N, C-alpha and C. Protein backbone atom coordinates (compact mmCIF):
# COMPACT_ATOMS: atom_id res chain seq x y z
N MET A 1 138.87 28.05 -11.15
CA MET A 1 139.36 27.05 -10.70
C MET A 1 139.82 26.72 -9.02
N SER A 2 140.28 27.89 -9.40
CA SER A 2 140.99 28.60 -7.65
C SER A 2 139.79 28.43 -6.34
N ASN A 3 138.37 29.04 -7.04
CA ASN A 3 137.34 28.48 -5.97
C ASN A 3 137.00 27.52 -5.85
N ALA A 4 137.49 25.94 -6.64
CA ALA A 4 137.88 24.50 -6.35
C ALA A 4 138.79 23.82 -5.19
N GLN A 5 140.25 24.87 -5.54
CA GLN A 5 141.32 24.62 -4.80
C GLN A 5 141.16 25.55 -3.40
N GLY A 6 140.26 26.87 -3.43
CA GLY A 6 140.11 27.25 -2.92
C GLY A 6 138.77 26.61 -1.19
N SER A 7 138.20 26.32 -1.34
CA SER A 7 136.80 25.62 -1.08
C SER A 7 137.46 24.15 -0.41
N SER A 8 139.01 23.12 -0.53
CA SER A 8 138.84 22.55 -0.38
C SER A 8 139.68 22.78 0.76
N GLU A 9 140.74 24.17 1.01
CA GLU A 9 141.62 24.29 1.82
C GLU A 9 140.91 24.18 2.89
N PRO A 10 140.24 24.41 3.21
CA PRO A 10 139.65 25.19 4.83
C PRO A 10 138.81 23.49 5.28
N VAL A 11 138.85 21.89 4.16
CA VAL A 11 138.65 20.79 4.76
C VAL A 11 139.74 20.44 4.86
N THR A 12 140.66 20.27 4.08
CA THR A 12 142.09 19.91 4.16
C THR A 12 142.55 19.87 6.03
N ALA A 13 142.23 21.68 6.12
CA ALA A 13 143.49 22.03 7.09
C ALA A 13 142.27 21.73 8.10
N LYS A 14 140.76 21.61 8.42
CA LYS A 14 140.42 20.64 9.32
C LYS A 14 140.63 19.24 10.23
N ILE A 15 140.77 19.01 8.81
CA ILE A 15 140.62 16.94 8.93
C ILE A 15 142.17 17.22 9.49
N GLN A 16 143.10 18.14 9.24
CA GLN A 16 144.91 18.44 9.94
C GLN A 16 145.24 18.32 11.11
N TYR A 17 144.19 19.61 11.14
CA TYR A 17 143.37 20.10 12.53
C TYR A 17 143.08 18.78 13.49
N ASN A 18 142.23 18.39 13.54
CA ASN A 18 141.60 17.03 13.66
C ASN A 18 142.82 15.81 13.82
N LYS A 19 143.35 15.52 13.65
CA LYS A 19 144.34 14.53 13.60
C LYS A 19 145.49 14.85 14.42
N LEU A 20 145.77 16.51 13.79
CA LEU A 20 147.24 16.39 15.21
C LEU A 20 146.74 16.09 16.85
N ALA A 21 145.31 17.25 16.92
CA ALA A 21 144.55 16.82 18.10
C ALA A 21 144.62 16.45 19.03
N GLU A 22 143.78 14.92 17.88
CA GLU A 22 143.88 13.99 18.15
C GLU A 22 145.52 12.31 18.98
N ASP A 23 146.44 13.02 17.67
CA ASP A 23 147.46 12.37 18.68
C ASP A 23 147.96 12.94 20.01
N TRP A 24 147.41 15.02 20.20
CA TRP A 24 148.38 15.19 20.94
C TRP A 24 146.55 15.17 22.63
N LYS A 25 146.08 14.50 22.32
CA LYS A 25 145.05 13.84 22.99
C LYS A 25 145.45 12.29 24.15
N HIS A 26 146.38 11.14 23.48
CA HIS A 26 147.18 10.24 22.88
C HIS A 26 147.87 10.19 23.93
N ILE A 27 148.88 11.38 23.43
CA ILE A 27 150.10 11.92 24.53
C ILE A 27 149.32 11.99 25.97
N ASN A 28 148.85 13.54 25.83
CA ASN A 28 148.31 13.85 27.25
C ASN A 28 147.63 12.57 28.34
N THR A 29 147.56 12.16 28.21
CA THR A 29 146.20 10.88 28.34
C THR A 29 148.30 10.21 28.55
N MET A 30 149.04 9.76 28.05
CA MET A 30 150.10 9.16 28.42
C MET A 30 150.89 9.43 29.30
N ILE A 31 151.14 11.25 29.26
CA ILE A 31 151.58 11.69 29.86
C ILE A 31 151.57 11.93 31.11
N TRP A 32 149.63 11.78 31.43
CA TRP A 32 149.90 12.14 32.17
C TRP A 32 149.40 10.76 33.34
N GLY A 33 148.98 8.80 33.07
CA GLY A 33 148.94 8.54 33.42
C GLY A 33 149.76 7.41 33.78
N VAL A 34 150.54 7.59 33.47
CA VAL A 34 152.20 6.77 33.36
C VAL A 34 152.94 7.39 34.47
N PRO A 35 152.77 8.47 35.02
CA PRO A 35 153.13 8.58 36.96
C PRO A 35 152.21 8.12 37.74
N ALA A 36 151.04 8.43 37.24
CA ALA A 36 150.27 7.50 38.16
C ALA A 36 150.64 6.36 38.38
N VAL A 37 150.79 5.44 37.22
CA VAL A 37 151.05 4.58 38.02
C VAL A 37 152.55 4.16 38.06
N ALA A 38 153.02 4.85 38.07
CA ALA A 38 154.91 4.55 38.10
C ALA A 38 154.50 5.08 39.99
N ILE A 39 153.50 5.78 40.78
CA ILE A 39 153.69 6.02 42.24
C ILE A 39 152.43 5.22 42.40
N SER A 40 151.68 4.66 41.91
CA SER A 40 150.55 3.71 42.49
C SER A 40 152.11 2.71 42.50
N ILE A 41 152.82 1.99 42.14
CA ILE A 41 153.74 0.93 42.32
C ILE A 41 154.74 1.52 42.71
N MET A 42 154.92 2.19 43.10
CA MET A 42 156.32 2.49 43.91
C MET A 42 156.20 3.22 46.11
N THR A 43 154.39 3.53 46.06
CA THR A 43 153.84 3.38 46.72
C THR A 43 153.46 2.47 48.08
N GLY A 44 153.08 1.00 47.02
CA GLY A 44 153.58 -0.47 47.14
C GLY A 44 154.86 -0.40 47.69
N LEU A 45 155.65 -0.26 46.94
CA LEU A 45 156.62 -1.15 47.43
C LEU A 45 157.92 -0.80 48.38
N VAL A 46 157.52 0.90 48.43
CA VAL A 46 157.60 0.97 49.92
C VAL A 46 157.13 1.03 50.68
N PHE A 47 155.43 0.18 50.58
CA PHE A 47 154.98 0.71 51.56
C PHE A 47 155.29 -1.69 52.25
N ALA A 48 155.53 -2.28 51.00
CA ALA A 48 156.16 -3.29 51.48
C ALA A 48 157.89 -3.97 52.14
N ALA A 49 158.64 -2.41 51.26
CA ALA A 49 159.51 -3.15 52.11
C ALA A 49 159.91 -2.78 53.53
N TYR A 50 158.94 -1.25 54.21
CA TYR A 50 159.63 -0.76 55.21
C TYR A 50 158.34 -1.13 56.95
N GLN A 51 158.11 -2.68 56.13
CA GLN A 51 157.61 -4.09 56.93
C GLN A 51 158.56 -4.05 58.10
N PRO A 52 158.11 -4.54 59.11
CA PRO A 52 158.80 -4.90 60.27
C PRO A 52 159.50 -5.74 59.95
N GLN A 53 159.40 -7.05 59.82
CA GLN A 53 159.49 -8.28 59.12
C GLN A 53 161.35 -8.55 58.21
N LEU A 54 161.17 -6.98 57.33
CA LEU A 54 161.88 -6.89 56.26
C LEU A 54 162.95 -6.49 56.67
N GLU A 55 163.97 -6.71 56.49
CA GLU A 55 165.62 -5.44 56.87
C GLU A 55 166.32 -6.04 56.08
N GLY A 56 167.59 -5.58 56.13
CA GLY A 56 168.28 -5.39 55.05
C GLY A 56 168.67 -5.82 53.62
N TRP A 57 169.14 -6.66 52.92
CA TRP A 57 169.02 -6.89 51.60
C TRP A 57 167.86 -7.24 50.95
N PRO A 58 166.63 -8.10 51.30
CA PRO A 58 165.52 -7.45 51.42
C PRO A 58 164.81 -6.82 50.84
N ARG A 59 164.19 -5.60 52.06
CA ARG A 59 164.63 -4.11 51.22
C ARG A 59 164.92 -3.61 50.68
N ILE A 60 166.55 -3.16 51.03
CA ILE A 60 167.15 -2.31 49.03
C ILE A 60 167.16 -3.24 48.18
N LEU A 61 166.91 -4.87 48.19
CA LEU A 61 166.50 -5.20 46.48
C LEU A 61 164.69 -4.82 46.14
N SER A 62 163.82 -4.88 47.39
CA SER A 62 162.52 -4.16 46.72
C SER A 62 162.54 -2.93 45.98
N LEU A 63 163.41 -2.24 47.20
CA LEU A 63 162.61 -0.51 46.33
C LEU A 63 164.02 -0.57 45.10
N GLY A 64 165.41 -1.41 45.19
CA GLY A 64 166.14 -1.42 44.20
C GLY A 64 164.92 -1.36 42.82
N VAL A 65 163.89 -2.55 42.77
CA VAL A 65 163.56 -2.48 41.40
C VAL A 65 162.75 -2.01 41.22
N GLY A 66 161.96 -1.19 42.52
CA GLY A 66 161.09 -0.57 42.21
C GLY A 66 161.52 0.83 41.32
N ALA A 67 162.98 1.36 41.63
CA ALA A 67 163.41 2.81 41.35
C ALA A 67 163.40 2.52 39.67
N LEU A 68 164.27 0.76 39.46
CA LEU A 68 164.25 0.19 38.38
C LEU A 68 163.16 0.12 37.74
N LEU A 69 161.83 0.65 37.83
CA LEU A 69 160.26 0.65 37.29
C LEU A 69 160.68 2.12 36.93
N LEU A 70 160.17 2.93 37.82
CA LEU A 70 160.08 4.27 37.94
C LEU A 70 161.30 4.92 37.23
N PHE A 71 162.20 3.88 36.77
CA PHE A 71 163.06 4.41 35.74
C PHE A 71 162.46 4.37 34.74
N ALA A 72 162.25 2.91 34.41
CA ALA A 72 161.89 2.75 32.82
C ALA A 72 160.95 3.50 32.35
N LEU A 73 159.55 3.56 33.05
CA LEU A 73 158.63 4.12 33.26
C LEU A 73 158.64 6.20 32.26
N THR A 74 160.00 6.32 33.67
CA THR A 74 160.02 7.93 33.02
C THR A 74 161.04 8.10 32.12
N VAL A 75 161.97 7.09 31.19
CA VAL A 75 162.39 6.92 30.30
C VAL A 75 160.62 6.89 28.89
N GLU A 76 160.13 5.91 29.07
CA GLU A 76 158.53 5.85 28.67
C GLU A 76 158.19 7.32 28.02
N VAL A 77 158.00 7.82 28.76
CA VAL A 77 157.21 9.20 29.03
C VAL A 77 158.33 10.37 27.88
N ILE A 78 159.58 10.05 28.42
CA ILE A 78 160.40 10.84 27.49
C ILE A 78 160.00 10.81 25.96
N LYS A 79 160.42 9.19 26.13
CA LYS A 79 160.02 8.60 24.59
C LYS A 79 159.11 8.98 24.07
N LYS A 80 157.84 8.71 24.30
CA LYS A 80 156.51 9.39 23.95
C LYS A 80 156.40 10.64 24.08
N SER A 81 157.09 11.96 24.59
CA SER A 81 156.58 12.59 24.85
C SER A 81 157.83 13.56 23.87
N TYR A 82 158.98 13.25 23.06
CA TYR A 82 159.10 13.63 22.01
C TYR A 82 159.74 12.78 20.96
N SER A 83 158.56 11.97 20.70
CA SER A 83 158.38 11.80 19.25
C SER A 83 157.23 11.68 18.88
């Protein structure tokens, strides 16, 4: 009886390992993907905000929206990495 249990333990451990490895693969993909999106968004917004025709409130508003999006993406990364 112990042989039957002993032979199934490595299979169970391998299944658990594969499941954990797949979960971490998705988390790592998301952790690296979200900052890339955030950098792209902020680059576009900073480029648009500092056009010569934009001054004052439109520039402040566009940079504020970018900061809000960056904050939201940061919170999402933190939530996903600690869940």
